[in-house]
C-alpha atoms as a PDB file:
ATOM      1  CA  MET A   1    -106.279 -43.058-151.618  1.00  0.00           C
ATOM      2  CA  LYS A   2    -108.724 -44.148-148.920  1.00  0.00           C
ATOM      3  CA  GLY A   3    -112.492 -44.233-148.969  1.00  0.00           C
ATOM      4  CA  ASP A   4    -113.081 -41.393-146.530  1.00  0.00           C
ATOM      5  CA  GLY A   5    -113.545 -37.622-146.641  1.00  0.00           C
ATOM      6  CA  ILE A   6    -115.688 -36.189-149.436  1.00  0.00           C
ATOM      7  CA  MET A   7    -116.312 -39.546-151.122  1.00  0.00           C
ATOM      8  CA  ALA A   8    -117.034 -41.400-147.882  1.00  0.00           C
ATOM      9  CA  GLY A   9    -120.790 -41.131-148.175  1.00  0.00           C
ATOM     10  CA  SER A  10    -120.989 -41.506-151.932  1.00  0.00           C
ATOM     11  CA  GLY A  11    -121.243 -45.233-151.983  1.00  0.00           C
ATOM     12  CA  TYR A  12    -118.147 -45.577-154.225  1.00  0.00           C
ATOM     13  CA  ASN A  13    -115.176 -47.609-153.088  1.00  0.00           C
ATOM     14  CA  LEU A  14    -112.067 -46.050-154.655  1.00  0.00           C
ATOM     15  CA  ASN A  15    -109.543 -47.974-152.548  1.00  0.00           C
ATOM     16  CA  GLY A  16    -108.566 -50.322-155.373  1.00  0.00           C
ATOM     17  CA  ILE A  17    -108.239 -47.760-158.170  1.00  0.00           C
ATOM     18  CA  GLY A  18    -104.689 -46.605-157.482  1.00  0.00           C
ATOM     19  CA  ASN A  19    -103.738 -44.052-160.207  1.00  0.00           C
ATOM     20  CA  VAL A  20    -106.998 -42.239-160.979  1.00  0.00           C
ATOM     21  CA  GLY A  21    -105.610 -40.707-164.214  1.00  0.00           C
ATOM     22  CA  LEU A  22    -104.588 -44.110-165.543  1.00  0.00           C
ATOM     23  CA  TYR A  23    -107.935 -45.524-164.556  1.00  0.00           C
ATOM     24  CA  ALA A  24    -109.774 -42.781-166.446  1.00  0.00           C
ATOM     25  CA  SER A  25    -107.559 -43.298-169.511  1.00  0.00           C
ATOM     26  CA  ASN A  26    -108.285 -47.011-169.489  1.00  0.00           C
ATOM     27  CA  LEU A  27    -112.008 -46.329-169.273  1.00  0.00           C
ATOM     28  CA  VAL A  28    -111.870 -44.035-172.305  1.00  0.00           C
ATOM     29  CA  ARG A  29    -109.734 -46.523-174.238  1.00  0.00           C
ATOM     30  CA  THR A  30    -112.136 -49.354-173.417  1.00  0.00           C
ATOM     31  CA  TYR A  31    -115.077 -47.214-174.540  1.00  0.00           C
ATOM     32  CA  MET A  32    -113.441 -46.235-177.824  1.00  0.00           C
ATOM     33  CA  ASN A  33    -112.496 -49.842-178.564  1.00  0.00           C
ATOM     34  CA  SER A  34    -116.092 -50.898-177.995  1.00  0.00           C
ATOM     35  CA  VAL A  35    -117.489 -48.431-180.542  1.00  0.00           C
ATOM     36  CA  LYS A  36    -118.626 -50.310-183.628  1.00  0.00           C
ATOM     37  CA  PRO A  37    -117.832 -48.936-187.113  1.00  0.00           C
ATOM     38  CA  GLY A  38    -120.832 -47.130-188.547  1.00  0.00           C
ATOM     39  CA  SER A  39    -122.487 -46.607-185.179  1.00  0.00           C
ATOM     40  CA  GLY A  40    -121.893 -42.861-185.298  1.00  0.00           C
ATOM     41  CA  ILE A  41    -120.346 -42.936-181.832  1.00  0.00           C
ATOM     42  CA  GLY A  42    -116.906 -41.460-181.481  1.00  0.00           C
ATOM     43  CA  LYS A  43    -116.924 -39.658-184.808  1.00  0.00           C
ATOM     44  CA  ALA A  44    -116.272 -36.284-183.204  1.00  0.00           C
ATOM     45  CA  ASP A  45    -113.197 -37.675-181.482  1.00  0.00           C
ATOM     46  CA  ASN A  46    -111.715 -38.610-184.840  1.00  0.00           C
ATOM     47  CA  SER A  47    -112.794 -35.530-186.823  1.00  0.00           C
ATOM     48  CA  PHE A  48    -109.274 -34.103-187.193  1.00  0.00           C
ATOM     49  CA  ALA A  49    -107.884 -37.434-188.340  1.00  0.00           C
ATOM     50  CA  SER A  50    -110.746 -37.726-190.803  1.00  0.00           C
ATOM     51  CA  VAL A  51    -110.154 -34.261-192.253  1.00  0.00           C
ATOM     52  CA  LYS A  52    -106.427 -34.950-192.510  1.00  0.00           C
ATOM     53  CA  SER A  53    -107.046 -38.269-194.258  1.00  0.00           C
ATOM     54  CA  ASN A  54    -109.546 -36.735-196.682  1.00  0.00           C
ATOM     55  CA  THR A  55    -107.204 -33.851-197.445  1.00  0.00           C
ATOM     56  CA  VAL A  56    -104.314 -36.188-198.244  1.00  0.00           C
ATOM     57  CA  ARG A  57    -106.578 -38.310-200.449  1.00  0.00           C
ATOM     58  CA  ASN A  58    -108.081 -35.289-202.228  1.00  0.00           C
ATOM     59  CA  ASN A  59    -104.659 -33.735-202.743  1.00  0.00           C
ATOM     60  CA  ALA A  60    -103.432 -36.971-204.285  1.00  0.00           C
ATOM     61  CA  ALA A  61    -106.407 -37.040-206.668  1.00  0.00           C
ATOM     62  CA  PHE A  62    -105.974 -33.381-207.603  1.00  0.00           C
ATOM     63  CA  THR A  63    -102.237 -33.789-208.135  1.00  0.00           C
ATOM     64  CA  SER A  64    -102.685 -36.981-210.166  1.00  0.00           C
ATOM     65  CA  GLN A  65    -105.098 -35.241-212.547  1.00  0.00           C
ATOM     66  CA  ASN A  66    -102.840 -32.202-212.719  1.00  0.00           C
ATOM     67  CA  VAL A  67     -99.804 -34.312-213.607  1.00  0.00           C
ATOM     68  CA  SER A  68    -101.853 -36.120-216.261  1.00  0.00           C
ATOM     69  CA  ASN A  69    -102.887 -32.763-217.746  1.00  0.00           C
ATOM     70  CA  LEU A  70     -99.300 -31.516-217.722  1.00  0.00           C
ATOM     71  CA  GLN A  71     -98.050 -34.674-219.417  1.00  0.00           C
ATOM     72  CA  MET A  72    -100.645 -34.157-222.142  1.00  0.00           C
ATOM     73  CA  LEU A  73     -99.594 -30.518-222.453  1.00  0.00           C
ATOM     74  CA  LYS A  74     -95.929 -31.489-222.786  1.00  0.00           C
ATOM     75  CA  ALA A  75     -96.746 -34.013-225.504  1.00  0.00           C
ATOM     76  CA  ALA A  76     -98.909 -31.496-227.364  1.00  0.00           C
ATOM     77  CA  ALA A  77     -96.156 -28.869-227.160  1.00  0.00           C
ATOM     78  CA  SER A  78     -93.592 -31.292-228.571  1.00  0.00           C
ATOM     79  CA  ALA A  79     -95.941 -32.305-231.382  1.00  0.00           C
ATOM     80  CA  LEU A  80     -96.622 -28.673-232.328  1.00  0.00           C
ATOM     81  CA  ASN A  81     -92.912 -27.887-232.320  1.00  0.00           C
ATOM     82  CA  SER A  82     -92.157 -30.872-234.534  1.00  0.00           C
ATOM     83  CA  THR A  83     -95.021 -30.179-236.957  1.00  0.00           C
ATOM     84  CA  ALA A  84     -94.103 -26.507-237.331  1.00  0.00           C
ATOM     85  CA  ARG A  85     -90.494 -27.487-237.933  1.00  0.00           C
ATOM     86  CA  GLY A  86     -91.601 -29.786-240.730  1.00  0.00           C
ATOM     87  CA  LEU A  87     -93.545 -27.180-242.709  1.00  0.00           C
ATOM     88  CA  GLY A  88     -92.535 -27.368-246.340  1.00  0.00           C
ATOM     89  CA  SER A  89     -91.137 -30.872-245.978  1.00  0.00           C
ATOM     90  CA  TYR A  90     -92.864 -33.562-243.938  1.00  0.00           C
ATOM     91  CA  ALA A  91     -95.772 -31.523-242.489  1.00  0.00           C
ATOM     92  CA  THR A  92     -98.759 -29.856-244.148  1.00  0.00           C
ATOM     93  CA  GLU A  93    -100.679 -26.728-243.160  1.00  0.00           C
ATOM     94  CA  SER A  94    -103.678 -28.820-242.061  1.00  0.00           C
ATOM     95  CA  GLU A  95    -101.453 -30.919-239.830  1.00  0.00           C
ATOM     96  CA  LEU A  96    -100.074 -27.735-238.267  1.00  0.00           C
ATOM     97  CA  VAL A  97    -103.590 -26.489-237.533  1.00  0.00           C
ATOM     98  CA  ALA A  98    -104.509 -29.824-235.955  1.00  0.00           C
ATOM     99  CA  ALA A  99    -101.365 -29.779-233.801  1.00  0.00           C
ATOM    100  CA  ALA A 100    -102.055 -26.196-232.700  1.00  0.00           C
ATOM    101  CA  GLN A 101    -105.655 -27.024-231.807  1.00  0.00           C
ATOM    102  CA  ASN A 102    -104.518 -30.043-229.789  1.00  0.00           C
ATOM    103  CA  PHE A 103    -101.984 -27.846-228.003  1.00  0.00           C
ATOM    104  CA  ALA A 104    -104.657 -25.259-227.185  1.00  0.00           C
ATOM    105  CA  SER A 105    -107.006 -27.958-225.901  1.00  0.00           C
ATOM    106  CA  ALA A 106    -104.314 -29.379-223.590  1.00  0.00           C
ATOM    107  CA  TYR A 107    -103.452 -25.903-222.329  1.00  0.00           C
ATOM    108  CA  ASN A 108    -107.082 -25.031-221.621  1.00  0.00           C
ATOM    109  CA  LYS A 109    -107.691 -28.305-219.807  1.00  0.00           C
ATOM    110  CA  THR A 110    -104.655 -27.710-217.587  1.00  0.00           C
ATOM    111  CA  ILE A 111    -105.668 -24.138-216.746  1.00  0.00           C
ATOM    112  CA  SER A 112    -109.285 -25.155-216.100  1.00  0.00           C
ATOM    113  CA  HIS A 113    -108.233 -27.814-213.621  1.00  0.00           C
ATOM    114  CA  LEU A 114    -105.887 -25.478-211.751  1.00  0.00           C
ATOM    115  CA  THR A 115    -108.571 -22.777-211.477  1.00  0.00           C
ATOM    116  CA  SER A 116    -111.467 -25.178-210.801  1.00  0.00           C
ATOM    117  CA  GLY A 117    -111.593 -24.293-207.104  1.00  0.00           C
ATOM    118  CA  THR A 118    -110.983 -27.870-205.961  1.00  0.00           C
ATOM    119  CA  ALA A 119    -107.596 -26.933-204.516  1.00  0.00           C
ATOM    120  CA  ASP A 120    -105.704 -23.907-203.334  1.00  0.00           C
ATOM    121  CA  GLY A 121    -102.342 -23.191-201.786  1.00  0.00           C
ATOM    122  CA  ALA A 122     -98.765 -22.519-202.790  1.00  0.00           C
ATOM    123  CA  GLY A 123     -98.729 -25.462-205.197  1.00  0.00           C
ATOM    124  CA  VAL A 124    -101.653 -24.119-207.214  1.00  0.00           C
ATOM    125  CA  GLU A 125    -100.084 -20.664-207.390  1.00  0.00           C
ATOM    126  CA  LYS A 126     -96.740 -22.044-208.531  1.00  0.00           C
ATOM    127  CA  ALA A 127     -98.303 -24.327-211.149  1.00  0.00           C
ATOM    128  CA  LEU A 128    -100.484 -21.553-212.561  1.00  0.00           C
ATOM    129  CA  ASN A 129     -97.550 -19.166-212.777  1.00  0.00           C
ATOM    130  CA  LEU A 130     -95.505 -21.772-214.628  1.00  0.00           C
ATOM    131  CA  VAL A 131     -98.215 -22.752-217.108  1.00  0.00           C
ATOM    132  CA  ALA A 132     -99.244 -19.144-217.764  1.00  0.00           C
ATOM    133  CA  ASP A 133     -95.659 -17.972-218.283  1.00  0.00           C
ATOM    134  CA  ASN A 134     -95.716 -18.830-221.987  1.00  0.00           C
ATOM    135  CA  ARG A 135     -95.108 -15.448-223.697  1.00  0.00           C
ATOM    136  CA  MET A 136     -98.792 -15.105-224.569  1.00  0.00           C
ATOM    137  CA  THR A 137    -100.521 -14.165-221.298  1.00  0.00           C
ATOM    138  CA  GLY A 138    -100.596 -10.932-219.362  1.00  0.00           C
ATOM    139  CA  LEU A 139     -98.353 -12.489-216.728  1.00  0.00           C
ATOM    140  CA  SER A 140     -95.813 -13.535-219.337  1.00  0.00           C
ATOM    141  CA  ILE A 141     -95.847 -10.249-221.200  1.00  0.00           C
ATOM    142  CA  GLY A 142     -94.743  -8.546-218.019  1.00  0.00           C
ATOM    143  CA  ASN A 143     -91.579 -10.639-218.200  1.00  0.00           C
ATOM    144  CA  TYR A 144     -90.944 -10.870-221.943  1.00  0.00           C
ATOM    145  CA  GLY A 145     -92.878  -8.065-223.648  1.00  0.00           C
ATOM    146  CA  SER A 146     -95.694  -8.370-226.176  1.00  0.00           C
ATOM    147  CA  TYR A 147     -93.782  -9.148-229.399  1.00  0.00           C
ATOM    148  CA  THR A 148     -94.331 -12.920-229.415  1.00  0.00           C
ATOM    149  CA  ALA A 149     -97.956 -12.610-228.295  1.00  0.00           C
ATOM    150  CA  ASN A 150     -98.715 -10.136-231.057  1.00  0.00           C
ATOM    151  CA  ARG A 151     -97.006 -12.257-233.707  1.00  0.00           C
ATOM    152  CA  ALA A 152     -98.824 -15.384-232.539  1.00  0.00           C
ATOM    153  CA  ALA A 153    -102.179 -13.566-232.572  1.00  0.00           C
ATOM    154  CA  VAL A 154    -101.608 -12.354-236.142  1.00  0.00           C
ATOM    155  CA  MET A 155    -101.115 -15.938-237.272  1.00  0.00           C
ATOM    156  CA  GLY A 156    -104.209 -17.111-235.375  1.00  0.00           C
ATOM    157  CA  VAL A 157    -102.991 -18.318-231.973  1.00  0.00           C
ATOM    158  CA  SER A 158    -104.066 -16.188-228.995  1.00  0.00           C
ATOM    159  CA  ILE A 159    -105.327 -16.088-225.415  1.00  0.00           C
ATOM    160  CA  ASP A 160    -108.880 -14.770-225.065  1.00  0.00           C
ATOM    161  CA  GLN A 161    -110.419 -12.667-222.306  1.00  0.00           C
ATOM    162  CA  ASP A 162    -111.399 -15.802-220.369  1.00  0.00           C
ATOM    163  CA  GLY A 163    -107.812 -17.001-220.248  1.00  0.00           C
ATOM    164  CA  LYS A 164    -108.374 -19.729-222.840  1.00  0.00           C
ATOM    165  CA  MET A 165    -106.138 -20.371-225.836  1.00  0.00           C
ATOM    166  CA  GLN A 166    -107.843 -20.042-229.204  1.00  0.00           C
ATOM    167  CA  VAL A 167    -106.704 -21.128-232.682  1.00  0.00           C
ATOM    168  CA  ASP A 168    -108.048 -19.445-235.799  1.00  0.00           C
ATOM    169  CA  ALA A 169    -107.603 -22.177-238.410  1.00  0.00           C
ATOM    170  CA  LYS A 170    -107.858 -19.829-241.416  1.00  0.00           C
ATOM    171  CA  LYS A 171    -105.295 -17.348-240.089  1.00  0.00           C
ATOM    172  CA  LEU A 172    -102.864 -20.106-239.167  1.00  0.00           C
ATOM    173  CA  THR A 173    -103.270 -21.812-242.547  1.00  0.00           C
ATOM    174  CA  ASP A 174    -102.683 -18.544-244.382  1.00  0.00           C
ATOM    175  CA  ALA A 175     -99.609 -17.781-242.280  1.00  0.00           C
ATOM    176  CA  ALA A 176     -98.178 -21.258-242.891  1.00  0.00           C
ATOM    177  CA  GLN A 177     -98.661 -20.871-246.648  1.00  0.00           C
ATOM    178  CA  LYS A 178     -97.425 -17.303-247.022  1.00  0.00           C
ATOM    179  CA  SER A 179     -94.700 -17.143-244.392  1.00  0.00           C
ATOM    180  CA  PRO A 180     -93.652 -20.550-243.027  1.00  0.00           C
ATOM    181  CA  ALA A 181     -90.417 -19.020-241.725  1.00  0.00           C
ATOM    182  CA  SER A 182     -92.386 -16.663-239.458  1.00  0.00           C
ATOM    183  CA  VAL A 183     -94.481 -19.536-238.174  1.00  0.00           C
ATOM    184  CA  LYS A 184     -91.360 -21.529-237.405  1.00  0.00           C
ATOM    185  CA  SER A 185     -89.806 -18.617-235.539  1.00  0.00           C
ATOM    186  CA  ILE A 186     -92.777 -18.522-233.144  1.00  0.00           C
ATOM    187  CA  LEU A 187     -93.479 -22.248-232.817  1.00  0.00           C
ATOM    188  CA  THR A 188     -90.041 -23.890-232.959  1.00  0.00           C
ATOM    189  CA  GLY A 189     -86.657 -23.585-231.343  1.00  0.00           C
ATOM    190  CA  ARG A 190     -85.267 -22.035-228.202  1.00  0.00           C
ATOM    191  CA  GLY A 191     -87.632 -19.528-226.610  1.00  0.00           C
ATOM    192  CA  SER A 192     -90.619 -20.519-228.759  1.00  0.00           C
ATOM    193  CA  ILE A 193     -94.065 -20.873-227.217  1.00  0.00           C
ATOM    194  CA  PRO A 194     -94.129 -24.714-227.321  1.00  0.00           C
ATOM    195  CA  GLU A 195     -90.572 -24.980-225.988  1.00  0.00           C
ATOM    196  CA  ILE A 196     -91.284 -22.692-223.024  1.00  0.00           C
ATOM    197  CA  VAL A 197     -94.558 -24.470-222.235  1.00  0.00           C
ATOM    198  CA  HIS A 198     -92.803 -27.845-222.369  1.00  0.00           C
ATOM    199  CA  GLU A 199     -90.092 -26.745-219.932  1.00  0.00           C
ATOM    200  CA  ASN A 200     -92.501 -25.072-217.529  1.00  0.00           C
ATOM    201  CA  ALA A 201     -94.893 -28.033-217.560  1.00  0.00           C
ATOM    202  CA  GLU A 202     -91.970 -30.265-216.636  1.00  0.00           C
ATOM    203  CA  GLN A 203     -91.247 -28.063-213.626  1.00  0.00           C
ATOM    204  CA  ALA A 204     -94.916 -27.957-212.631  1.00  0.00           C
ATOM    205  CA  MET A 205     -95.076 -31.758-212.626  1.00  0.00           C
ATOM    206  CA  ARG A 206     -92.510 -31.825-209.827  1.00  0.00           C
ATOM    207  CA  ILE A 207     -94.622 -29.740-207.424  1.00  0.00           C
ATOM    208  CA  PRO A 208     -95.293 -31.859-204.267  1.00  0.00           C
ATOM    209  CA  ALA A 209     -98.879 -32.871-203.518  1.00  0.00           C
ATOM    210  CA  ALA A 210     -98.466 -31.509-199.994  1.00  0.00           C
ATOM    211  CA  THR A 211     -98.357 -27.956-201.364  1.00  0.00           C
ATOM    212  CA  TYR A 212    -101.949 -28.232-202.566  1.00  0.00           C
ATOM    213  CA  THR A 213    -104.719 -27.715-200.001  1.00  0.00           C
ATOM    214  CA  ASP A 214    -108.064 -29.322-200.714  1.00  0.00           C
ATOM    215  CA  PHE A 215    -111.041 -28.904-198.419  1.00  0.00           C
ATOM    216  CA  SER A 216    -113.677 -29.763-201.028  1.00  0.00           C
ATOM    217  CA  LYS A 217    -114.534 -27.150-203.622  1.00  0.00           C
ATOM    218  CA  MET A 218    -112.312 -24.486-202.110  1.00  0.00           C
ATOM    219  CA  GLN A 219    -112.360 -21.270-204.124  1.00  0.00           C
ATOM    220  CA  VAL A 220    -109.047 -20.176-205.580  1.00  0.00           C
ATOM    221  CA  SER A 221    -107.832 -17.282-203.442  1.00  0.00           C
ATOM    222  CA  ASP A 222    -108.426 -13.718-204.603  1.00  0.00           C
ATOM    223  CA  SER A 223    -104.771 -12.900-204.071  1.00  0.00           C
ATOM    224  CA  LEU A 224    -103.782 -15.614-206.560  1.00  0.00           C
ATOM    225  CA  ILE A 225    -106.228 -14.380-209.189  1.00  0.00           C
ATOM    226  CA  ASP A 226    -105.124 -10.767-208.610  1.00  0.00           C
ATOM    227  CA  ALA A 227    -101.505 -11.775-209.116  1.00  0.00           C
ATOM    228  CA  LEU A 228    -102.354 -13.146-212.577  1.00  0.00           C
ATOM    229  CA  LEU A 229    -104.673 -10.378-213.747  1.00  0.00           C
ATOM    230  CA  PRO A 230    -103.208  -7.809-216.149  1.00  0.00           C
ATOM    231  CA  ASN A 231    -104.153  -4.136-215.908  1.00  0.00           C
ATOM    232  CA  SER A 232    -107.015  -4.622-218.349  1.00  0.00           C
ATOM    233  CA  GLY A 233    -108.838  -6.735-215.778  1.00  0.00           C
ATOM    234  CA  PHE A 234    -108.939  -9.823-217.948  1.00  0.00           C
ATOM    235  CA  LEU A 235    -107.276 -13.048-216.912  1.00  0.00           C
ATOM    236  CA  PHE A 236    -104.340 -13.899-219.197  1.00  0.00           C
ATOM    237  CA  ASP A 237    -105.141 -11.030-221.585  1.00  0.00           C
ATOM    238  CA  PHE A 238    -102.448  -9.869-223.970  1.00  0.00           C
ATOM    239  CA  ALA A 239    -101.442  -6.431-225.107  1.00  0.00           C
ATOM    240  CA  VAL A 240    -102.272  -5.467-228.664  1.00  0.00           C
END
């Protein structure tokens, strides 16, 4: 390129530049390297990288808490299974109530975290479907029928209209005293509530962090909530 034509009268000597594109790139690179951290300059240029980094970090935090909740739920399910199995031998009615209350608390904490609005995406939907598929919720009744849910409710273990698990200590104590075999049929063995929850929690723990999307307090999608709502309009309701 020679210093004539349009640029001749500009006062700029471009003879030594050579490749103008490379020159411009070097100028930008030099400018970006000169920007000091915290100066506020260049932030817009890195906005996508920043969002990506924050999303990965937030997903990791969400997933870590979710896995911790699921581990607690698995342990509580195993403890309830074992305690119910021991009725009449090594476990008392009060110990059964305590185990059931601990199980309900772990379940509620897991559901609350998944529906907190801090993450959305396929991972949240899959985890919720797994945790809620426990033979007590509206979602689960669609697959298994209402028999187990009704039996569990009679002995004091149910899902309320807010989707939370509740334990009526008096009902459960009475059921354990009057009909321990019925209690065992619901809370122990293949296909029991604790056994299903344990298996599904194990699957939910293997959901990759990348399947959760976190852009800070993101509301759980309406389509996800609609998929879990029974006809009554209550989340995780059960048929009577």
